[in-house]
């Protein structure tokens, strides 16, 4: 079964549980609106790719970890789009959850997706329970304090912030969780895989910064120019687009070089470099590595 099919099946199962008897129908619909139709699913695909490179001896555990990471990512987008943060009216080319369902249900949908993520982990690890603590701890720290995506969002409310620290928390933390969780789900030592996720996460944020400056709204599926309008940290605004491109190239190469020895290292290196190139606006491309 291909990676996307595995991810979509696991996400549907998680939302089916949330839509059980007695569930408020509009909240259930808001949760599904946040998760489907799918985006690129970069983080869960990365989780599955690392697990595959490490042997993937318990696919159900890997699927649960990948789905949990994507549910948390979707929850963060719901909250990020709210008027108190980015005030974004569109996401993935259609109305944001708070536009479609109202702010109250958007807050609740994000909260419920966070809970669903950890329920998914417990269900998926039922046949390999010893792997649950490491997975739960890894993923929880990627979304909380002191260095997870909640912390990254909070840095936007501080008077000053180091750009690299901001990017590591807001974006890199969940990418690092994807690579570490992929290894942990496969039962191998997870920490050597952290650097790969951190570098890819930072590269993703730099590419997103470039897109916020150069890409069209139709291509990104969300409003553009928000970083400049809201005074947010942005690598392309700070270093210029050519400087940001050079930084992205260096991060992609560093990510590929950080892959620990494993049977699937060559394939994973190729995937890492191709994903970095794909992140850029369509009219741009990374130099061949």
C-alpha atoms as a PDB file:
ATOM      1  CA  UNK A   1       0.000   0.000   0.000  1.00  0.00           C
ATOM      2  CA  UNK A   2       1.397   3.415  -0.952  1.00  0.00           C
ATOM      3  CA  UNK A   3       2.122   6.087   1.683  1.00  0.00           C
ATOM      4  CA  UNK A   4      -0.756   8.424   0.838  1.00  0.00           C
ATOM      5  CA  UNK A   5      -3.302   5.599   0.994  1.00  0.00           C
ATOM      6  CA  UNK A   6      -1.969   4.570   4.411  1.00  0.00           C
ATOM      7  CA  UNK A   7      -2.105   8.142   5.698  1.00  0.00           C
ATOM      8  CA  UNK A   8      -5.605   8.866   4.400  1.00  0.00           C
ATOM      9  CA  UNK A   9      -6.916   5.591   5.804  1.00  0.00           C
ATOM     10  CA  UNK A  10      -5.477   6.353   9.248  1.00  0.00           C
ATOM     11  CA  UNK A  11      -6.832   9.915   9.218  1.00  0.00           C
ATOM     12  CA  UNK A  12     -10.290   8.745   8.180  1.00  0.00           C
ATOM     13  CA  UNK A  13     -10.269   6.191  10.992  1.00  0.00           C
ATOM     14  CA  UNK A  14      -9.382   8.900  13.508  1.00  0.00           C
ATOM     15  CA  UNK A  15     -12.206  11.148  12.342  1.00  0.00           C
ATOM     16  CA  UNK A  16     -14.644   8.236  12.224  1.00  0.00           C
ATOM     17  CA  UNK A  17     -13.968   7.739  15.941  1.00  0.00           C
ATOM     18  CA  UNK A  18     -14.602  11.438  16.585  1.00  0.00           C
ATOM     19  CA  UNK A  19     -17.879  11.280  14.659  1.00  0.00           C
ATOM     20  CA  UNK A  20     -19.293   8.507  16.828  1.00  0.00           C
ATOM     21  CA  UNK A  21     -22.779   8.449  18.339  1.00  0.00           C
ATOM     22  CA  UNK A  22     -23.660  11.624  20.195  1.00  0.00           C
ATOM     23  CA  UNK A  23     -21.060  13.811  18.472  1.00  0.00           C
ATOM     24  CA  UNK A  24     -22.126  17.411  17.714  1.00  0.00           C
ATOM     25  CA  UNK A  25     -22.516  17.266  13.924  1.00  0.00           C
ATOM     26  CA  UNK A  26     -21.178  20.751  13.127  1.00  0.00           C
ATOM     27  CA  UNK A  27     -18.054  20.243  15.224  1.00  0.00           C
ATOM     28  CA  UNK A  28     -17.489  16.890  13.511  1.00  0.00           C
ATOM     29  CA  UNK A  29     -17.908  18.584  10.126  1.00  0.00           C
ATOM     30  CA  UNK A  30     -15.475  21.350  11.115  1.00  0.00           C
ATOM     31  CA  UNK A  31     -12.862  18.763  12.072  1.00  0.00           C
ATOM     32  CA  UNK A  32     -13.250  16.972   8.752  1.00  0.00           C
ATOM     33  CA  UNK A  33     -13.094  20.312   6.909  1.00  0.00           C
ATOM     34  CA  UNK A  34      -9.741  20.958   8.602  1.00  0.00           C
ATOM     35  CA  UNK A  35      -8.237  17.625   7.552  1.00  0.00           C
ATOM     36  CA  UNK A  36      -9.783  17.007   4.106  1.00  0.00           C
ATOM     37  CA  UNK A  37      -9.252  17.439   1.235  1.00  0.00           C
ATOM     38  CA  UNK A  38      -5.627  16.703   1.848  1.00  0.00           C
ATOM     39  CA  UNK A  39      -2.683  19.019   1.536  1.00  0.00           C
ATOM     40  CA  UNK A  40       0.776  17.754   0.655  1.00  0.00           C
ATOM     41  CA  UNK A  41       0.928  15.548   3.796  1.00  0.00           C
ATOM     42  CA  UNK A  42       4.670  16.253   3.914  1.00  0.00           C
ATOM     43  CA  UNK A  43       5.116  15.457   7.611  1.00  0.00           C
ATOM     44  CA  UNK A  44       3.310  12.090   7.695  1.00  0.00           C
ATOM     45  CA  UNK A  45       4.984  11.032   4.443  1.00  0.00           C
ATOM     46  CA  UNK A  46       8.332  11.864   6.010  1.00  0.00           C
ATOM     47  CA  UNK A  47       7.420   9.791   9.064  1.00  0.00           C
ATOM     48  CA  UNK A  48       6.545   6.803   6.862  1.00  0.00           C
ATOM     49  CA  UNK A  49       9.680   7.239   4.746  1.00  0.00           C
ATOM     50  CA  UNK A  50      11.965   7.167   7.791  1.00  0.00           C
ATOM     51  CA  UNK A  51      10.142   4.144   9.215  1.00  0.00           C
ATOM     52  CA  UNK A  52      10.502   2.361   5.872  1.00  0.00           C
ATOM     53  CA  UNK A  53      14.225   3.117   5.805  1.00  0.00           C
ATOM     54  CA  UNK A  54      14.476   1.618   9.293  1.00  0.00           C
ATOM     55  CA  UNK A  55      12.514  -1.573   8.548  1.00  0.00           C
ATOM     56  CA  UNK A  56       8.915  -0.589   9.494  1.00  0.00           C
ATOM     57  CA  UNK A  57       8.269  -3.808  11.421  1.00  0.00           C
ATOM     58  CA  UNK A  58       4.940  -2.547  12.879  1.00  0.00           C
ATOM     59  CA  UNK A  59       3.129  -0.607  10.106  1.00  0.00           C
ATOM     60  CA  UNK A  60       0.094   0.049  12.323  1.00  0.00           C
ATOM     61  CA  UNK A  61       2.327   1.904  14.784  1.00  0.00           C
ATOM     62  CA  UNK A  62       3.890   3.938  11.982  1.00  0.00           C
ATOM     63  CA  UNK A  63       0.487   4.791  10.507  1.00  0.00           C
ATOM     64  CA  UNK A  64      -0.729   5.969  13.908  1.00  0.00           C
ATOM     65  CA  UNK A  65       2.337   8.148  14.442  1.00  0.00           C
ATOM     66  CA  UNK A  66       2.031   9.656  10.959  1.00  0.00           C
ATOM     67  CA  UNK A  67      -1.679  10.346  11.391  1.00  0.00           C
ATOM     68  CA  UNK A  68      -1.154  11.883  14.837  1.00  0.00           C
ATOM     69  CA  UNK A  69       1.455  14.261  13.440  1.00  0.00           C
ATOM     70  CA  UNK A  70      -0.847  15.316  10.598  1.00  0.00           C
ATOM     71  CA  UNK A  71      -3.816  15.825  12.932  1.00  0.00           C
ATOM     72  CA  UNK A  72      -1.673  18.093  15.089  1.00  0.00           C
ATOM     73  CA  UNK A  73      -0.473  19.974  12.029  1.00  0.00           C
ATOM     74  CA  UNK A  74      -4.072  20.481  10.875  1.00  0.00           C
ATOM     75  CA  UNK A  75      -5.052  21.658  14.354  1.00  0.00           C
ATOM     76  CA  UNK A  76      -2.240  24.217  14.282  1.00  0.00           C
ATOM     77  CA  UNK A  77      -3.467  25.529  10.920  1.00  0.00           C
ATOM     78  CA  UNK A  78      -7.007  25.959  12.228  1.00  0.00           C
ATOM     79  CA  UNK A  79      -5.732  28.020  15.149  1.00  0.00           C
ATOM     80  CA  UNK A  80      -3.130  29.855  13.041  1.00  0.00           C
ATOM     81  CA  UNK A  81      -5.842  31.096  10.646  1.00  0.00           C
ATOM     82  CA  UNK A  82      -7.956  32.661  13.417  1.00  0.00           C
ATOM     83  CA  UNK A  83      -8.384  36.458  13.497  1.00  0.00           C
ATOM     84  CA  UNK A  84      -6.254  36.691  16.650  1.00  0.00           C
ATOM     85  CA  UNK A  85      -3.280  35.270  14.720  1.00  0.00           C
ATOM     86  CA  UNK A  86      -3.032  35.416  10.897  1.00  0.00           C
ATOM     87  CA  UNK A  87      -6.682  36.283  10.187  1.00  0.00           C
ATOM     88  CA  UNK A  88      -6.513  34.105   7.052  1.00  0.00           C
ATOM     89  CA  UNK A  89      -9.755  33.617   5.165  1.00  0.00           C
ATOM     90  CA  UNK A  90      -8.595  30.708   3.014  1.00  0.00           C
ATOM     91  CA  UNK A  91      -6.650  27.509   3.526  1.00  0.00           C
ATOM     92  CA  UNK A  92      -5.840  24.916   0.857  1.00  0.00           C
ATOM     93  CA  UNK A  93      -7.830  26.949  -1.631  1.00  0.00           C
ATOM     94  CA  UNK A  94     -11.108  27.101   0.279  1.00  0.00           C
ATOM     95  CA  UNK A  95     -12.594  28.936   3.296  1.00  0.00           C
ATOM     96  CA  UNK A  96     -10.678  28.532   6.554  1.00  0.00           C
ATOM     97  CA  UNK A  97     -12.503  26.663   9.307  1.00  0.00           C
ATOM     98  CA  UNK A  98     -13.456  29.832  11.191  1.00  0.00           C
ATOM     99  CA  UNK A  99     -14.926  31.320   7.994  1.00  0.00           C
ATOM    100  CA  UNK A 100     -16.905  28.167   7.212  1.00  0.00           C
ATOM    101  CA  UNK A 101     -18.037  27.323  10.749  1.00  0.00           C
ATOM    102  CA  UNK A 102     -17.401  30.356  12.946  1.00  0.00           C
ATOM    103  CA  UNK A 103     -14.630  31.142  15.416  1.00  0.00           C
ATOM    104  CA  UNK A 104     -16.063  29.169  18.340  1.00  0.00           C
ATOM    105  CA  UNK A 105     -16.226  25.912  16.400  1.00  0.00           C
ATOM    106  CA  UNK A 106     -12.809  26.578  14.878  1.00  0.00           C
ATOM    107  CA  UNK A 107     -11.238  26.786  18.342  1.00  0.00           C
ATOM    108  CA  UNK A 108     -13.047  23.630  19.417  1.00  0.00           C
ATOM    109  CA  UNK A 109     -12.162  21.790  16.190  1.00  0.00           C
ATOM    110  CA  UNK A 110      -8.469  22.536  16.707  1.00  0.00           C
ATOM    111  CA  UNK A 111      -8.673  21.382  20.323  1.00  0.00           C
ATOM    112  CA  UNK A 112     -10.520  18.201  19.362  1.00  0.00           C
ATOM    113  CA  UNK A 113      -7.985  17.371  16.649  1.00  0.00           C
ATOM    114  CA  UNK A 114      -5.194  17.600  19.236  1.00  0.00           C
ATOM    115  CA  UNK A 115      -7.006  15.114  21.459  1.00  0.00           C
ATOM    116  CA  UNK A 116      -7.760  12.868  18.466  1.00  0.00           C
ATOM    117  CA  UNK A 117      -4.048  12.775  17.643  1.00  0.00           C
ATOM    118  CA  UNK A 118      -3.139  11.241  20.981  1.00  0.00           C
ATOM    119  CA  UNK A 119      -6.108   8.866  20.908  1.00  0.00           C
ATOM    120  CA  UNK A 120      -4.857   7.704  17.499  1.00  0.00           C
ATOM    121  CA  UNK A 121      -1.452   6.967  19.017  1.00  0.00           C
ATOM    122  CA  UNK A 122      -2.919   4.854  21.807  1.00  0.00           C
ATOM    123  CA  UNK A 123      -5.112   2.869  19.417  1.00  0.00           C
ATOM    124  CA  UNK A 124      -2.338   2.298  16.902  1.00  0.00           C
ATOM    125  CA  UNK A 125       0.225   1.088  19.429  1.00  0.00           C
ATOM    126  CA  UNK A 126      -2.062  -1.449  21.117  1.00  0.00           C
ATOM    127  CA  UNK A 127       0.013  -4.340  19.737  1.00  0.00           C
ATOM    128  CA  UNK A 128       3.350  -2.676  20.490  1.00  0.00           C
ATOM    129  CA  UNK A 129       2.630  -0.787  23.730  1.00  0.00           C
ATOM    130  CA  UNK A 130       6.287  -0.347  24.659  1.00  0.00           C
ATOM    131  CA  UNK A 131       6.656   2.067  21.757  1.00  0.00           C
ATOM    132  CA  UNK A 132       3.882   4.386  22.966  1.00  0.00           C
ATOM    133  CA  UNK A 133       5.752   6.362  25.673  1.00  0.00           C
ATOM    134  CA  UNK A 134       8.584   7.482  23.384  1.00  0.00           C
ATOM    135  CA  UNK A 135       6.174   8.356  20.586  1.00  0.00           C
ATOM    136  CA  UNK A 136       3.797  10.273  22.841  1.00  0.00           C
ATOM    137  CA  UNK A 137       6.633  12.208  24.479  1.00  0.00           C
ATOM    138  CA  UNK A 138       8.274  13.044  21.142  1.00  0.00           C
ATOM    139  CA  UNK A 139       5.078  14.288  19.552  1.00  0.00           C
ATOM    140  CA  UNK A 140       3.831  16.141  22.637  1.00  0.00           C
ATOM    141  CA  UNK A 141       7.054  18.128  22.939  1.00  0.00           C
ATOM    142  CA  UNK A 142       6.827  19.022  19.249  1.00  0.00           C
ATOM    143  CA  UNK A 143       3.517  20.814  19.788  1.00  0.00           C
ATOM    144  CA  UNK A 144       3.928  22.238  23.296  1.00  0.00           C
ATOM    145  CA  UNK A 145       6.486  24.113  25.348  1.00  0.00           C
ATOM    146  CA  UNK A 146       9.277  25.033  25.460  1.00  0.00           C
ATOM    147  CA  UNK A 147      10.162  24.466  21.810  1.00  0.00           C
ATOM    148  CA  UNK A 148       7.104  23.137  19.983  1.00  0.00           C
ATOM    149  CA  UNK A 149       4.699  24.786  17.562  1.00  0.00           C
ATOM    150  CA  UNK A 150       2.744  26.468  20.369  1.00  0.00           C
ATOM    151  CA  UNK A 151       5.983  28.123  21.461  1.00  0.00           C
ATOM    152  CA  UNK A 152       6.689  29.089  17.864  1.00  0.00           C
ATOM    153  CA  UNK A 153       3.310  30.775  17.605  1.00  0.00           C
ATOM    154  CA  UNK A 154       3.900  32.519  20.925  1.00  0.00           C
ATOM    155  CA  UNK A 155       7.183  34.014  19.722  1.00  0.00           C
ATOM    156  CA  UNK A 156       5.120  36.149  17.349  1.00  0.00           C
ATOM    157  CA  UNK A 157       3.807  37.989  20.417  1.00  0.00           C
ATOM    158  CA  UNK A 158       7.267  38.739  21.822  1.00  0.00           C
ATOM    159  CA  UNK A 159       8.999  42.082  21.143  1.00  0.00           C
ATOM    160  CA  UNK A 160      11.954  40.379  19.421  1.00  0.00           C
ATOM    161  CA  UNK A 161      12.855  36.894  18.258  1.00  0.00           C
ATOM    162  CA  UNK A 162      15.782  35.112  16.668  1.00  0.00           C
ATOM    163  CA  UNK A 163      14.630  34.009  13.200  1.00  0.00           C
ATOM    164  CA  UNK A 164      16.268  30.570  13.397  1.00  0.00           C
ATOM    165  CA  UNK A 165      14.796  29.898  16.866  1.00  0.00           C
ATOM    166  CA  UNK A 166      11.366  30.967  15.639  1.00  0.00           C
ATOM    167  CA  UNK A 167      11.563  28.681  12.609  1.00  0.00           C
ATOM    168  CA  UNK A 168      12.824  25.734  14.664  1.00  0.00           C
ATOM    169  CA  UNK A 169       9.838  25.986  16.981  1.00  0.00           C
ATOM    170  CA  UNK A 170       7.013  26.935  14.629  1.00  0.00           C
ATOM    171  CA  UNK A 171       7.935  24.615  11.760  1.00  0.00           C
ATOM    172  CA  UNK A 172      11.026  22.547  12.511  1.00  0.00           C
ATOM    173  CA  UNK A 173       9.663  20.957  15.690  1.00  0.00           C
ATOM    174  CA  UNK A 174       6.931  18.987  13.941  1.00  0.00           C
ATOM    175  CA  UNK A 175       9.269  17.963  11.118  1.00  0.00           C
ATOM    176  CA  UNK A 176      11.744  16.719  13.725  1.00  0.00           C
ATOM    177  CA  UNK A 177       8.910  14.845  15.408  1.00  0.00           C
ATOM    178  CA  UNK A 178       8.100  13.202  12.071  1.00  0.00           C
ATOM    179  CA  UNK A 179      11.616  11.826  11.577  1.00  0.00           C
ATOM    180  CA  UNK A 180      12.148  10.874  15.230  1.00  0.00           C
ATOM    181  CA  UNK A 181       8.701   9.263  15.438  1.00  0.00           C
ATOM    182  CA  UNK A 182       9.298   7.339  12.214  1.00  0.00           C
ATOM    183  CA  UNK A 183      12.411   5.788  13.703  1.00  0.00           C
ATOM    184  CA  UNK A 184      10.761   5.175  17.084  1.00  0.00           C
ATOM    185  CA  UNK A 185       7.762   3.541  15.399  1.00  0.00           C
ATOM    186  CA  UNK A 186      10.169   1.156  13.647  1.00  0.00           C
ATOM    187  CA  UNK A 187      11.862   0.319  16.937  1.00  0.00           C
ATOM    188  CA  UNK A 188      15.281   1.870  16.268  1.00  0.00           C
ATOM    189  CA  UNK A 189      17.199   4.533  18.182  1.00  0.00           C
ATOM    190  CA  UNK A 190      15.298   7.704  17.267  1.00  0.00           C
ATOM    191  CA  UNK A 191      17.521  10.630  18.279  1.00  0.00           C
ATOM    192  CA  UNK A 192      20.025  10.299  15.382  1.00  0.00           C
ATOM    193  CA  UNK A 193      17.105  11.148  13.077  1.00  0.00           C
ATOM    194  CA  UNK A 194      16.319  14.500  14.698  1.00  0.00           C
ATOM    195  CA  UNK A 195      18.733  16.591  12.638  1.00  0.00           C
ATOM    196  CA  UNK A 196      17.116  15.450   9.383  1.00  0.00           C
ATOM    197  CA  UNK A 197      13.731  16.710  10.547  1.00  0.00           C
ATOM    198  CA  UNK A 198      15.081  19.950  11.958  1.00  0.00           C
ATOM    199  CA  UNK A 199      16.894  20.812   8.739  1.00  0.00           C
ATOM    200  CA  UNK A 200      13.900  19.905   6.575  1.00  0.00           C
ATOM    201  CA  UNK A 201      11.591  21.900   8.815  1.00  0.00           C
ATOM    202  CA  UNK A 202      13.752  24.975   8.574  1.00  0.00           C
ATOM    203  CA  UNK A 203      14.001  24.505   4.799  1.00  0.00           C
ATOM    204  CA  UNK A 204      10.221  24.240   4.573  1.00  0.00           C
ATOM    205  CA  UNK A 205       9.789  27.485   6.504  1.00  0.00           C
ATOM    206  CA  UNK A 206      12.307  29.314   4.312  1.00  0.00           C
ATOM    207  CA  UNK A 207      10.478  28.050   1.198  1.00  0.00           C
ATOM    208  CA  UNK A 208       7.183  29.194   2.731  1.00  0.00           C
ATOM    209  CA  UNK A 209       8.731  32.609   3.407  1.00  0.00           C
ATOM    210  CA  UNK A 210       9.832  32.846  -0.231  1.00  0.00           C
ATOM    211  CA  UNK A 211       6.353  31.819  -1.336  1.00  0.00           C
ATOM    212  CA  UNK A 212       4.778  34.468   0.879  1.00  0.00           C
ATOM    213  CA  UNK A 213       6.810  37.058  -1.038  1.00  0.00           C
ATOM    214  CA  UNK A 214       6.716  35.664  -4.586  1.00  0.00           C
ATOM    215  CA  UNK A 215       3.944  33.100  -5.117  1.00  0.00           C
ATOM    216  CA  UNK A 216       0.342  33.745  -6.060  1.00  0.00           C
ATOM    217  CA  UNK A 217      -2.503  33.068  -3.642  1.00  0.00           C
ATOM    218  CA  UNK A 218      -4.011  30.482  -5.999  1.00  0.00           C
ATOM    219  CA  UNK A 219      -0.767  28.498  -5.952  1.00  0.00           C
ATOM    220  CA  UNK A 220      -0.375  28.517  -2.167  1.00  0.00           C
ATOM    221  CA  UNK A 221      -4.074  28.137  -1.382  1.00  0.00           C
ATOM    222  CA  UNK A 222      -3.836  30.777   1.372  1.00  0.00           C
ATOM    223  CA  UNK A 223      -3.393  34.543   1.591  1.00  0.00           C
ATOM    224  CA  UNK A 224       0.033  35.880   0.649  1.00  0.00           C
ATOM    225  CA  UNK A 225       1.986  38.816   1.992  1.00  0.00           C
ATOM    226  CA  UNK A 226       0.819  38.167   5.547  1.00  0.00           C
ATOM    227  CA  UNK A 227       4.321  38.174   7.053  1.00  0.00           C
ATOM    228  CA  UNK A 228       5.007  41.682   5.792  1.00  0.00           C
ATOM    229  CA  UNK A 229       1.542  42.942   6.722  1.00  0.00           C
ATOM    230  CA  UNK A 230       1.752  41.548  10.250  1.00  0.00           C
ATOM    231  CA  UNK A 231       5.456  42.219  10.860  1.00  0.00           C
ATOM    232  CA  UNK A 232       6.269  38.511  11.169  1.00  0.00           C
ATOM    233  CA  UNK A 233       9.790  37.059  10.843  1.00  0.00           C
ATOM    234  CA  UNK A 234      10.464  36.092   7.224  1.00  0.00           C
ATOM    235  CA  UNK A 235      13.752  34.876   5.737  1.00  0.00           C
ATOM    236  CA  UNK A 236      13.058  36.302   2.265  1.00  0.00           C
ATOM    237  CA  UNK A 237      12.245  39.723   3.689  1.00  0.00           C
ATOM    238  CA  UNK A 238      15.277  39.692   5.975  1.00  0.00           C
ATOM    239  CA  UNK A 239      17.919  38.290   3.595  1.00  0.00           C
ATOM    240  CA  UNK A 240      16.344  38.955   0.197  1.00  0.00           C
ATOM    241  CA  UNK A 241      15.096  36.202  -2.102  1.00  0.00           C
ATOM    242  CA  UNK A 242      18.572  35.237  -3.432  1.00  0.00           C
ATOM    243  CA  UNK A 243      19.931  34.984   0.126  1.00  0.00           C
ATOM    244  CA  UNK A 244      16.937  32.940   1.224  1.00  0.00           C
ATOM    245  CA  UNK A 245      17.423  30.631  -1.776  1.00  0.00           C
ATOM    246  CA  UNK A 246      21.057  30.040  -0.861  1.00  0.00           C
ATOM    247  CA  UNK A 247      20.019  29.288   2.709  1.00  0.00           C
ATOM    248  CA  UNK A 248      17.395  26.830   1.473  1.00  0.00           C
ATOM    249  CA  UNK A 249      19.925  25.025  -0.723  1.00  0.00           C
ATOM    250  CA  UNK A 250      22.312  24.705   2.215  1.00  0.00           C
ATOM    251  CA  UNK A 251      19.580  23.375   4.483  1.00  0.00           C
ATOM    252  CA  UNK A 252      18.442  20.794   1.929  1.00  0.00           C
ATOM    253  CA  UNK A 253      22.008  19.547   1.470  1.00  0.00           C
ATOM    254  CA  UNK A 254      22.587  19.433   5.241  1.00  0.00           C
ATOM    255  CA  UNK A 255      19.349  17.481   5.693  1.00  0.00           C
ATOM    256  CA  UNK A 256      20.346  14.890   3.098  1.00  0.00           C
ATOM    257  CA  UNK A 257      23.837  14.569   4.579  1.00  0.00           C
ATOM    258  CA  UNK A 258      22.424  14.012   8.094  1.00  0.00           C
ATOM    259  CA  UNK A 259      20.592  10.778   7.249  1.00  0.00           C
ATOM    260  CA  UNK A 260      21.951   8.056   9.558  1.00  0.00           C
ATOM    261  CA  UNK A 261      23.250   4.788   8.067  1.00  0.00           C
ATOM    262  CA  UNK A 262      20.319   2.542   7.149  1.00  0.00           C
ATOM    263  CA  UNK A 263      19.180   0.211   4.390  1.00  0.00           C
ATOM    264  CA  UNK A 264      17.023   2.888   2.768  1.00  0.00           C
ATOM    265  CA  UNK A 265      19.500   5.783   3.027  1.00  0.00           C
ATOM    266  CA  UNK A 266      19.955   6.365  -0.733  1.00  0.00           C
ATOM    267  CA  UNK A 267      16.232   6.435  -1.450  1.00  0.00           C
ATOM    268  CA  UNK A 268      15.591   8.717   1.530  1.00  0.00           C
ATOM    269  CA  UNK A 269      18.342  11.106   0.425  1.00  0.00           C
ATOM    270  CA  UNK A 270      16.765  11.354  -3.025  1.00  0.00           C
ATOM    271  CA  UNK A 271      13.341  11.988  -1.473  1.00  0.00           C
ATOM    272  CA  UNK A 272      14.773  14.671   0.809  1.00  0.00           C
ATOM    273  CA  UNK A 273      16.307  16.639  -2.058  1.00  0.00           C
ATOM    274  CA  UNK A 274      13.275  16.287  -4.335  1.00  0.00           C
ATOM    275  CA  UNK A 275      10.919  17.440  -1.564  1.00  0.00           C
ATOM    276  CA  UNK A 276      13.071  20.506  -0.941  1.00  0.00           C
ATOM    277  CA  UNK A 277      12.884  21.430  -4.627  1.00  0.00           C
ATOM    278  CA  UNK A 278       9.129  20.860  -4.722  1.00  0.00           C
ATOM    279  CA  UNK A 279       8.531  23.305  -1.866  1.00  0.00           C
ATOM    280  CA  UNK A 280       9.431  26.342  -3.954  1.00  0.00           C
ATOM    281  CA  UNK A 281       7.006  28.403  -6.059  1.00  0.00           C
ATOM    282  CA  UNK A 282       6.539  26.809  -9.479  1.00  0.00           C
ATOM    283  CA  UNK A 283       8.626  29.360 -11.352  1.00  0.00           C
ATOM    284  CA  UNK A 284      11.682  28.635  -9.196  1.00  0.00           C
ATOM    285  CA  UNK A 285      13.818  25.544  -8.626  1.00  0.00           C
ATOM    286  CA  UNK A 286      16.767  24.541  -6.504  1.00  0.00           C
ATOM    287  CA  UNK A 287      20.070  23.876  -8.147  1.00  0.00           C
ATOM    288  CA  UNK A 288      20.539  20.173  -8.732  1.00  0.00           C
ATOM    289  CA  UNK A 289      22.306  18.583  -5.771  1.00  0.00           C
END
